[in-house]
Amino acid sequence: LIASRSEGKIILAICVGLVLHAFMYSPQAAFFSELFGT
């Protein structure tokens, strides 16, 4: 998608990638906090 040099495809590639990344990064803060004692 990036190699297409199409603006729409490049935006799609990055947006979908970052949304999928958010499924890990968002709960990570609470998850890691809950693993360890105060």
PDB file of all heavy atoms in Angstrom:
ATOM      1  N   LEU A   1       0.830  -1.205   0.000  1.00  0.00           N
ATOM      2  CA  LEU A   1       0.000   0.000   0.000  1.00  0.00           C
ATOM      3  C   LEU A   1       0.866   1.257   0.000  1.00  0.00           C
ATOM      4  O   LEU A   1       0.564   2.226  -0.715  1.00  0.00           O
ATOM      5  CB  LEU A   1      -0.920  -0.003   1.222  1.00  0.00           C
ATOM      6  CG  LEU A   1      -2.010  -1.090   1.247  1.00  0.00           C
ATOM      7  CD1 LEU A   1      -2.721  -1.096   2.602  1.00  0.00           C
ATOM      8  CD2 LEU A   1      -3.018  -0.859   0.125  1.00  0.00           C
ATOM      9  N   ILE A   2       1.956   1.245   0.767  1.00  0.00           N
ATOM     10  CA  ILE A   2       2.859   2.394   0.786  1.00  0.00           C
ATOM     11  C   ILE A   2       3.518   2.578  -0.581  1.00  0.00           C
ATOM     12  O   ILE A   2       3.642   3.699  -1.096  1.00  0.00           O
ATOM     13  CB  ILE A   2       3.941   2.220   1.875  1.00  0.00           C
ATOM     14  CG1 ILE A   2       3.313   2.165   3.265  1.00  0.00           C
ATOM     15  CG2 ILE A   2       4.970   3.355   1.804  1.00  0.00           C
ATOM     16  CD1 ILE A   2       2.678   3.447   3.724  1.00  0.00           C
ATOM     17  N   ALA A   3       3.936   1.472  -1.187  1.00  0.00           N
ATOM     18  CA  ALA A   3       4.637   1.522  -2.467  1.00  0.00           C
ATOM     19  C   ALA A   3       3.755   2.026  -3.608  1.00  0.00           C
ATOM     20  O   ALA A   3       4.262   2.463  -4.649  1.00  0.00           O
ATOM     21  CB  ALA A   3       5.193   0.145  -2.817  1.00  0.00           C
ATOM     22  N   SER A   4       2.435   1.971  -3.430  1.00  0.00           N
ATOM     23  CA  SER A   4       1.529   2.448  -4.478  1.00  0.00           C
ATOM     24  C   SER A   4       1.665   3.945  -4.718  1.00  0.00           C
ATOM     25  O   SER A   4       1.292   4.459  -5.771  1.00  0.00           O
ATOM     26  CB  SER A   4       0.080   2.122  -4.097  1.00  0.00           C
ATOM     27  OG  SER A   4      -0.340   2.936  -3.002  1.00  0.00           O
ATOM     28  N   ARG A   5       2.160   4.678  -3.705  1.00  0.00           N
ATOM     29  CA  ARG A   5       2.304   6.135  -3.755  1.00  0.00           C
ATOM     30  C   ARG A   5       0.958   6.827  -3.938  1.00  0.00           C
ATOM     31  O   ARG A   5       0.895   8.005  -4.279  1.00  0.00           O
ATOM     32  CB  ARG A   5       3.286   6.556  -4.848  1.00  0.00           C
ATOM     33  CG  ARG A   5       4.694   6.035  -4.611  1.00  0.00           C
ATOM     34  CD  ARG A   5       5.644   6.358  -5.741  1.00  0.00           C
ATOM     35  NE  ARG A   5       5.878   7.799  -5.851  1.00  0.00           N
ATOM     36  CZ  ARG A   5       6.643   8.336  -6.797  1.00  0.00           C
ATOM     37  NH1 ARG A   5       7.239   7.564  -7.685  1.00  0.00           N
ATOM     38  NH2 ARG A   5       6.807   9.638  -6.840  1.00  0.00           N
ATOM     39  N   SER A   6      -0.106   6.067  -3.675  1.00  0.00           N
ATOM     40  CA  SER A   6      -1.459   6.623  -3.692  1.00  0.00           C
ATOM     41  C   SER A   6      -1.762   7.191  -2.311  1.00  0.00           C
ATOM     42  O   SER A   6      -1.615   6.492  -1.299  1.00  0.00           O
ATOM     43  CB  SER A   6      -2.474   5.531  -4.037  1.00  0.00           C
ATOM     44  OG  SER A   6      -3.785   5.911  -3.674  1.00  0.00           O
ATOM     45  N   GLU A   7      -2.194   8.432  -2.256  1.00  0.00           N
ATOM     46  CA  GLU A   7      -2.447   9.070  -0.970  1.00  0.00           C
ATOM     47  C   GLU A   7      -3.457   8.296  -0.143  1.00  0.00           C
ATOM     48  O   GLU A   7      -3.267   8.066   1.049  1.00  0.00           O
ATOM     49  CB  GLU A   7      -2.934  10.501  -1.189  1.00  0.00           C
ATOM     50  CG  GLU A   7      -3.221  11.248   0.096  1.00  0.00           C
ATOM     51  CD  GLU A   7      -3.595  12.707  -0.137  1.00  0.00           C
ATOM     52  OE1 GLU A   7      -2.935  13.371  -0.960  1.00  0.00           O
ATOM     53  OE2 GLU A   7      -4.557  13.183   0.496  1.00  0.00           O
ATOM     54  N   GLY A   8      -4.542   7.869  -0.776  1.00  0.00           N
ATOM     55  CA  GLY A   8      -5.576   7.132  -0.056  1.00  0.00           C
ATOM     56  C   GLY A   8      -5.074   5.820   0.505  1.00  0.00           C
ATOM     57  O   GLY A   8      -5.383   5.467   1.647  1.00  0.00           O
ATOM     58  N   LYS A   9      -4.309   5.085  -0.289  1.00  0.00           N
ATOM     59  CA  LYS A   9      -3.798   3.788   0.170  1.00  0.00           C
ATOM     60  C   LYS A   9      -2.760   3.940   1.271  1.00  0.00           C
ATOM     61  O   LYS A   9      -2.705   3.130   2.201  1.00  0.00           O
ATOM     62  CB  LYS A   9      -3.216   3.010  -1.016  1.00  0.00           C
ATOM     63  CG  LYS A   9      -4.254   2.532  -2.015  1.00  0.00           C
ATOM     64  CD  LYS A   9      -3.628   1.733  -3.138  1.00  0.00           C
ATOM     65  CE  LYS A   9      -4.684   1.236  -4.120  1.00  0.00           C
ATOM     66  NZ  LYS A   9      -4.080   0.458  -5.240  1.00  0.00           N
ATOM     67  N   ILE A  10      -1.940   4.967   1.171  1.00  0.00           N
ATOM     68  CA  ILE A  10      -0.932   5.203   2.214  1.00  0.00           C
ATOM     69  C   ILE A  10      -1.606   5.570   3.530  1.00  0.00           C
ATOM     70  O   ILE A  10      -1.227   5.072   4.605  1.00  0.00           O
ATOM     71  CB  ILE A  10       0.047   6.304   1.771  1.00  0.00           C
ATOM     72  CG1 ILE A  10       0.908   5.809   0.606  1.00  0.00           C
ATOM     73  CG2 ILE A  10       0.947   6.732   2.926  1.00  0.00           C
ATOM     74  CD1 ILE A  10       1.795   6.865  -0.007  1.00  0.00           C
ATOM     75  N   ILE A  11      -2.615   6.416   3.469  1.00  0.00           N
ATOM     76  CA  ILE A  11      -3.357   6.793   4.684  1.00  0.00           C
ATOM     77  C   ILE A  11      -4.038   5.570   5.280  1.00  0.00           C
ATOM     78  O   ILE A  11      -4.022   5.356   6.498  1.00  0.00           O
ATOM     79  CB  ILE A  11      -4.379   7.897   4.365  1.00  0.00           C
ATOM     80  CG1 ILE A  11      -3.654   9.210   4.019  1.00  0.00           C
ATOM     81  CG2 ILE A  11      -5.334   8.109   5.544  1.00  0.00           C
ATOM     82  CD1 ILE A  11      -4.570  10.305   3.527  1.00  0.00           C
ATOM     83  N   LEU A  12      -4.651   4.744   4.422  1.00  0.00           N
ATOM     84  CA  LEU A  12      -5.294   3.515   4.883  1.00  0.00           C
ATOM     85  C   LEU A  12      -4.283   2.602   5.572  1.00  0.00           C
ATOM     86  O   LEU A  12      -4.556   2.059   6.657  1.00  0.00           O
ATOM     87  CB  LEU A  12      -5.940   2.782   3.710  1.00  0.00           C
ATOM     88  CG  LEU A  12      -6.554   1.413   4.032  1.00  0.00           C
ATOM     89  CD1 LEU A  12      -7.769   1.584   4.942  1.00  0.00           C
ATOM     90  CD2 LEU A  12      -6.944   0.689   2.740  1.00  0.00           C
ATOM     91  N   ALA A  13      -3.115   2.428   4.948  1.00  0.00           N
ATOM     92  CA  ALA A  13      -2.091   1.540   5.492  1.00  0.00           C
ATOM     93  C   ALA A  13      -1.690   1.961   6.899  1.00  0.00           C
ATOM     94  O   ALA A  13      -1.628   1.131   7.823  1.00  0.00           O
ATOM     95  CB  ALA A  13      -0.866   1.529   4.578  1.00  0.00           C
ATOM     96  N   ILE A  14      -1.439   3.236   7.089  1.00  0.00           N
ATOM     97  CA  ILE A  14      -0.962   3.730   8.375  1.00  0.00           C
ATOM     98  C   ILE A  14      -2.084   3.748   9.415  1.00  0.00           C
ATOM     99  O   ILE A  14      -1.884   3.350  10.569  1.00  0.00           O
ATOM    100  CB  ILE A  14      -0.336   5.128   8.213  1.00  0.00           C
ATOM    101  CG1 ILE A  14       0.971   4.992   7.417  1.00  0.00           C
ATOM    102  CG2 ILE A  14      -0.084   5.786   9.564  1.00  0.00           C
ATOM    103  CD1 ILE A  14       1.612   6.298   7.045  1.00  0.00           C
ATOM    104  N   CYS A  15      -3.276   4.173   9.037  1.00  0.00           N
ATOM    105  CA  CYS A  15      -4.387   4.252   9.993  1.00  0.00           C
ATOM    106  C   CYS A  15      -4.777   2.874  10.520  1.00  0.00           C
ATOM    107  O   CYS A  15      -4.959   2.697  11.733  1.00  0.00           O
ATOM    108  CB  CYS A  15      -5.591   4.933   9.348  1.00  0.00           C
ATOM    109  SG  CYS A  15      -5.399   6.715   9.142  1.00  0.00           S
ATOM    110  N   VAL A  16      -4.912   1.902   9.636  1.00  0.00           N
ATOM    111  CA  VAL A  16      -5.268   0.549  10.088  1.00  0.00           C
ATOM    112  C   VAL A  16      -4.164  -0.017  10.974  1.00  0.00           C
ATOM    113  O   VAL A  16      -4.429  -0.619  12.022  1.00  0.00           O
ATOM    114  CB  VAL A  16      -5.523  -0.374   8.882  1.00  0.00           C
ATOM    115  CG1 VAL A  16      -5.694  -1.828   9.350  1.00  0.00           C
ATOM    116  CG2 VAL A  16      -6.763   0.074   8.119  1.00  0.00           C
ATOM    117  N   GLY A  17      -2.910   0.197  10.574  1.00  0.00           N
ATOM    118  CA  GLY A  17      -1.800  -0.289  11.381  1.00  0.00           C
ATOM    119  C   GLY A  17      -1.811   0.288  12.782  1.00  0.00           C
ATOM    120  O   GLY A  17      -1.614  -0.432  13.774  1.00  0.00           O
ATOM    121  N   LEU A  18      -2.069   1.581  12.898  1.00  0.00           N
ATOM    122  CA  LEU A  18      -2.058   2.223  14.210  1.00  0.00           C
ATOM    123  C   LEU A  18      -3.290   1.861  15.047  1.00  0.00           C
ATOM    124  O   LEU A  18      -3.211   1.807  16.277  1.00  0.00           O
ATOM    125  CB  LEU A  18      -1.939   3.741  14.046  1.00  0.00           C
ATOM    126  CG  LEU A  18      -0.573   4.226  13.531  1.00  0.00           C
ATOM    127  CD1 LEU A  18      -0.568   5.736  13.353  1.00  0.00           C
ATOM    128  CD2 LEU A  18       0.556   3.796  14.464  1.00  0.00           C
ATOM    129  N   VAL A  19      -4.425   1.606  14.406  1.00  0.00           N
ATOM    130  CA  VAL A  19      -5.601   1.140  15.149  1.00  0.00           C
ATOM    131  C   VAL A  19      -5.314  -0.238  15.758  1.00  0.00           C
ATOM    132  O   VAL A  19      -5.627  -0.492  16.938  1.00  0.00           O
ATOM    133  CB  VAL A  19      -6.840   1.083  14.237  1.00  0.00           C
ATOM    134  CG1 VAL A  19      -7.962   0.288  14.904  1.00  0.00           C
ATOM    135  CG2 VAL A  19      -7.326   2.490  13.915  1.00  0.00           C
ATOM    136  N   LEU A  20      -4.719  -1.119  14.973  1.00  0.00           N
ATOM    137  CA  LEU A  20      -4.365  -2.445  15.492  1.00  0.00           C
ATOM    138  C   LEU A  20      -3.335  -2.331  16.606  1.00  0.00           C
ATOM    139  O   LEU A  20      -3.399  -3.056  17.611  1.00  0.00           O
ATOM    140  CB  LEU A  20      -3.833  -3.324  14.355  1.00  0.00           C
ATOM    141  CG  LEU A  20      -4.867  -3.725  13.302  1.00  0.00           C
ATOM    142  CD1 LEU A  20      -4.185  -4.365  12.099  1.00  0.00           C
ATOM    143  CD2 LEU A  20      -5.892  -4.681  13.903  1.00  0.00           C
ATOM    144  N   HIS A  21      -2.390  -1.413  16.449  1.00  0.00           N
ATOM    145  CA  HIS A  21      -1.405  -1.178  17.501  1.00  0.00           C
ATOM    146  C   HIS A  21      -2.089  -0.723  18.790  1.00  0.00           C
ATOM    147  O   HIS A  21      -1.706  -1.123  19.899  1.00  0.00           O
ATOM    148  CB  HIS A  21      -0.393  -0.127  17.044  1.00  0.00           C
ATOM    149  CG  HIS A  21       0.555   0.305  18.111  1.00  0.00           C
ATOM    150  ND1 HIS A  21       0.332   1.413  18.913  1.00  0.00           N
ATOM    151  CD2 HIS A  21       1.726  -0.220  18.541  1.00  0.00           C
ATOM    152  CE1 HIS A  21       1.326   1.542  19.768  1.00  0.00           C
ATOM    153  NE2 HIS A  21       2.187   0.568  19.570  1.00  0.00           N
ATOM    154  N   ALA A  22      -3.121   0.109  18.673  1.00  0.00           N
ATOM    155  CA  ALA A  22      -3.829   0.621  19.853  1.00  0.00           C
ATOM    156  C   ALA A  22      -4.476  -0.486  20.668  1.00  0.00           C
ATOM    157  O   ALA A  22      -4.659  -0.344  21.882  1.00  0.00           O
ATOM    158  CB  ALA A  22      -4.886   1.642  19.422  1.00  0.00           C
ATOM    159  N   PHE A  23      -4.843  -1.596  20.023  1.00  0.00           N
ATOM    160  CA  PHE A  23      -5.435  -2.713  20.755  1.00  0.00           C
ATOM    161  C   PHE A  23      -4.441  -3.335  21.736  1.00  0.00           C
ATOM    162  O   PHE A  23      -4.844  -4.000  22.691  1.00  0.00           O
ATOM    163  CB  PHE A  23      -5.957  -3.774  19.777  1.00  0.00           C
ATOM    164  CG  PHE A  23      -7.360  -3.509  19.310  1.00  0.00           C
ATOM    165  CD1 PHE A  23      -7.606  -2.579  18.310  1.00  0.00           C
ATOM    166  CD2 PHE A  23      -8.434  -4.168  19.874  1.00  0.00           C
ATOM    167  CE1 PHE A  23      -8.892  -2.311  17.880  1.00  0.00           C
ATOM    168  CE2 PHE A  23      -9.730  -3.912  19.459  1.00  0.00           C
ATOM    169  CZ  PHE A  23      -9.961  -2.973  18.452  1.00  0.00           C
ATOM    170  N   MET A  24      -3.159  -3.136  21.499  1.00  0.00           N
ATOM    171  CA  MET A  24      -2.144  -3.569  22.471  1.00  0.00           C
ATOM    172  C   MET A  24      -1.738  -2.421  23.382  1.00  0.00           C
ATOM    173  O   MET A  24      -1.651  -2.574  24.600  1.00  0.00           O
ATOM    174  CB  MET A  24      -0.907  -4.112  21.746  1.00  0.00           C
ATOM    175  CG  MET A  24      -1.121  -5.392  20.969  1.00  0.00           C
ATOM    176  SD  MET A  24       0.393  -5.946  20.132  1.00  0.00           S
ATOM    177  CE  MET A  24       0.479  -4.771  18.766  1.00  0.00           C
ATOM    178  N   TYR A  25      -1.483  -1.268  22.793  1.00  0.00           N
ATOM    179  CA  TYR A  25      -0.880  -0.176  23.546  1.00  0.00           C
ATOM    180  C   TYR A  25      -1.836   0.433  24.563  1.00  0.00           C
ATOM    181  O   TYR A  25      -1.415   0.850  25.640  1.00  0.00           O
ATOM    182  CB  TYR A  25      -0.384   0.905  22.584  1.00  0.00           C
ATOM    183  CG  TYR A  25       0.634   1.816  23.202  1.00  0.00           C
ATOM    184  CD1 TYR A  25       1.816   1.290  23.735  1.00  0.00           C
ATOM    185  CD2 TYR A  25       0.434   3.185  23.266  1.00  0.00           C
ATOM    186  CE1 TYR A  25       2.764   2.115  24.312  1.00  0.00           C
ATOM    187  CE2 TYR A  25       1.387   4.017  23.839  1.00  0.00           C
ATOM    188  CZ  TYR A  25       2.544   3.480  24.362  1.00  0.00           C
ATOM    189  OH  TYR A  25       3.482   4.296  24.941  1.00  0.00           O
ATOM    190  N   SER A  26      -3.112   0.478  24.247  1.00  0.00           N
ATOM    191  CA  SER A  26      -4.066   1.096  25.155  1.00  0.00           C
ATOM    192  C   SER A  26      -4.210   0.335  26.474  1.00  0.00           C
ATOM    193  O   SER A  26      -4.054   0.925  27.549  1.00  0.00           O
ATOM    194  CB  SER A  26      -5.426   1.241  24.474  1.00  0.00           C
ATOM    195  OG  SER A  26      -6.364   1.794  25.353  1.00  0.00           O
ATOM    196  N   PRO A  27      -4.495  -0.972  26.471  1.00  0.00           N
ATOM    197  CA  PRO A  27      -4.624  -1.684  27.748  1.00  0.00           C
ATOM    198  C   PRO A  27      -3.296  -1.970  28.431  1.00  0.00           C
ATOM    199  O   PRO A  27      -3.273  -2.405  29.580  1.00  0.00           O
ATOM    200  CB  PRO A  27      -5.319  -2.995  27.358  1.00  0.00           C
ATOM    201  CG  PRO A  27      -4.953  -3.210  25.933  1.00  0.00           C
ATOM    202  CD  PRO A  27      -4.844  -1.839  25.322  1.00  0.00           C
ATOM    203  N   GLN A  28      -2.194  -1.718  27.736  1.00  0.00           N
ATOM    204  CA  GLN A  28      -0.877  -2.046  28.276  1.00  0.00           C
ATOM    205  C   GLN A  28      -0.576  -1.309  29.575  1.00  0.00           C
ATOM    206  O   GLN A  28      -0.006  -1.875  30.513  1.00  0.00           O
ATOM    207  CB  GLN A  28       0.196  -1.713  27.231  1.00  0.00           C
ATOM    208  CG  GLN A  28       1.601  -2.109  27.605  1.00  0.00           C
ATOM    209  CD  GLN A  28       2.580  -1.690  26.519  1.00  0.00           C
ATOM    210  OE1 GLN A  28       3.093  -0.592  26.546  1.00  0.00           O
ATOM    211  NE2 GLN A  28       2.797  -2.557  25.542  1.00  0.00           N
ATOM    212  N   ALA A  29      -0.965  -0.041  29.671  1.00  0.00           N
ATOM    213  CA  ALA A  29      -0.665   0.758  30.859  1.00  0.00           C
ATOM    214  C   ALA A  29      -1.301   0.147  32.105  1.00  0.00           C
ATOM    215  O   ALA A  29      -0.635  -0.045  33.137  1.00  0.00           O
ATOM    216  CB  ALA A  29      -1.152   2.194  30.663  1.00  0.00           C
ATOM    217  N   ALA A  30      -2.593  -0.164  32.027  1.00  0.00           N
ATOM    218  CA  ALA A  30      -3.275  -0.777  33.167  1.00  0.00           C
ATOM    219  C   ALA A  30      -2.725  -2.181  33.430  1.00  0.00           C
ATOM    220  O   ALA A  30      -2.507  -2.574  34.579  1.00  0.00           O
ATOM    221  CB  ALA A  30      -4.773  -0.837  32.901  1.00  0.00           C
ATOM    222  N   PHE A  31      -2.503  -2.925  32.355  1.00  0.00           N
ATOM    223  CA  PHE A  31      -2.026  -4.305  32.469  1.00  0.00           C
ATOM    224  C   PHE A  31      -0.695  -4.351  33.227  1.00  0.00           C
ATOM    225  O   PHE A  31      -0.524  -5.121  34.187  1.00  0.00           O
ATOM    226  CB  PHE A  31      -1.849  -4.894  31.064  1.00  0.00           C
ATOM    227  CG  PHE A  31      -2.159  -6.356  30.959  1.00  0.00           C
ATOM    228  CD1 PHE A  31      -2.533  -6.904  29.744  1.00  0.00           C
ATOM    229  CD2 PHE A  31      -2.073  -7.200  32.053  1.00  0.00           C
ATOM    230  CE1 PHE A  31      -2.827  -8.252  29.618  1.00  0.00           C
ATOM    231  CE2 PHE A  31      -2.356  -8.555  31.945  1.00  0.00           C
ATOM    232  CZ  PHE A  31      -2.732  -9.079  30.719  1.00  0.00           C
ATOM    233  N   PHE A  32       0.271  -3.540  32.813  1.00  0.00           N
ATOM    234  CA  PHE A  32       1.584  -3.555  33.451  1.00  0.00           C
ATOM    235  C   PHE A  32       1.508  -3.034  34.885  1.00  0.00           C
ATOM    236  O   PHE A  32       2.218  -3.523  35.759  1.00  0.00           O
ATOM    237  CB  PHE A  32       2.583  -2.733  32.639  1.00  0.00           C
ATOM    238  CG  PHE A  32       3.059  -3.403  31.372  1.00  0.00           C
ATOM    239  CD1 PHE A  32       2.394  -4.482  30.827  1.00  0.00           C
ATOM    240  CD2 PHE A  32       4.191  -2.944  30.716  1.00  0.00           C
ATOM    241  CE1 PHE A  32       2.828  -5.094  29.658  1.00  0.00           C
ATOM    242  CE2 PHE A  32       4.643  -3.546  29.556  1.00  0.00           C
ATOM    243  CZ  PHE A  32       3.956  -4.627  29.022  1.00  0.00           C
ATOM    244  N   SER A  33       0.673  -2.035  35.125  1.00  0.00           N
ATOM    245  CA  SER A  33       0.515  -1.511  36.481  1.00  0.00           C
ATOM    246  C   SER A  33      -0.014  -2.583  37.421  1.00  0.00           C
ATOM    247  O   SER A  33       0.376  -2.648  38.596  1.00  0.00           O
ATOM    248  CB  SER A  33      -0.443  -0.317  36.481  1.00  0.00           C
ATOM    249  OG  SER A  33       0.057   0.742  35.700  1.00  0.00           O
ATOM    250  N   GLU A  34      -0.899  -3.412  36.917  1.00  0.00           N
ATOM    251  CA  GLU A  34      -1.543  -4.432  37.733  1.00  0.00           C
ATOM    252  C   GLU A  34      -0.644  -5.638  37.998  1.00  0.00           C
ATOM    253  O   GLU A  34      -0.924  -6.442  38.893  1.00  0.00           O
ATOM    254  CB  GLU A  34      -2.843  -4.875  37.057  1.00  0.00           C
ATOM    255  CG  GLU A  34      -3.907  -3.783  37.046  1.00  0.00           C
ATOM    256  CD  GLU A  34      -4.939  -3.918  35.937  1.00  0.00           C
ATOM    257  OE1 GLU A  34      -4.729  -4.737  35.014  1.00  0.00           O
ATOM    258  OE2 GLU A  34      -5.941  -3.187  35.981  1.00  0.00           O
ATOM    259  N   LEU A  35       0.456  -5.757  37.247  1.00  0.00           N
ATOM    260  CA  LEU A  35       1.353  -6.895  37.428  1.00  0.00           C
ATOM    261  C   LEU A  35       2.221  -6.784  38.676  1.00  0.00           C
ATOM    262  O   LEU A  35       2.630  -7.799  39.242  1.00  0.00           O
ATOM    263  CB  LEU A  35       2.272  -7.045  36.200  1.00  0.00           C
ATOM    264  CG  LEU A  35       1.642  -7.504  34.879  1.00  0.00           C
ATOM    265  CD1 LEU A  35       2.688  -7.499  33.781  1.00  0.00           C
ATOM    266  CD2 LEU A  35       1.014  -8.885  35.018  1.00  0.00           C
ATOM    267  N   PHE A  36       2.513  -5.545  39.116  1.00  0.00           N
ATOM    268  CA  PHE A  36       3.514  -5.334  40.158  1.00  0.00           C
ATOM    269  C   PHE A  36       2.904  -4.701  41.407  1.00  0.00           C
ATOM    270  O   PHE A  36       1.934  -3.950  41.330  1.00  0.00           O
ATOM    271  CB  PHE A  36       4.646  -4.446  39.632  1.00  0.00           C
ATOM    272  CG  PHE A  36       5.364  -5.018  38.439  1.00  0.00           C
ATOM    273  CD1 PHE A  36       4.976  -4.676  37.152  1.00  0.00           C
ATOM    274  CD2 PHE A  36       6.410  -5.920  38.609  1.00  0.00           C
ATOM    275  CE1 PHE A  36       5.624  -5.216  36.048  1.00  0.00           C
ATOM    276  CE2 PHE A  36       7.057  -6.464  37.517  1.00  0.00           C
ATOM    277  CZ  PHE A  36       6.660  -6.115  36.224  1.00  0.00           C
ATOM    278  N   GLY A  37       3.516  -4.994  42.570  1.00  0.00           N
ATOM    279  CA  GLY A  37       3.078  -4.410  43.831  1.00  0.00           C
ATOM    280  C   GLY A  37       3.453  -2.941  43.932  1.00  0.00           C
ATOM    281  O   GLY A  37       4.380  -2.461  43.264  1.00  0.00           O
ATOM    282  N   THR A  38       2.774  -2.214  44.825  1.00  0.00           N
ATOM    283  CA  THR A  38       2.916  -0.763  44.896  1.00  0.00           C
ATOM    284  C   THR A  38       4.342  -0.309  45.196  1.00  0.00           C
ATOM    285  O   THR A  38       4.825   0.654  44.605  1.00  0.00           O
ATOM    286  CB  THR A  38       1.986  -0.203  45.989  1.00  0.00           C
ATOM    287  OG1 THR A  38       0.648  -0.650  45.734  1.00  0.00           O
ATOM    288  CG2 THR A  38       2.006   1.315  45.989  1.00  0.00           C
TER     289      THR A  38
END
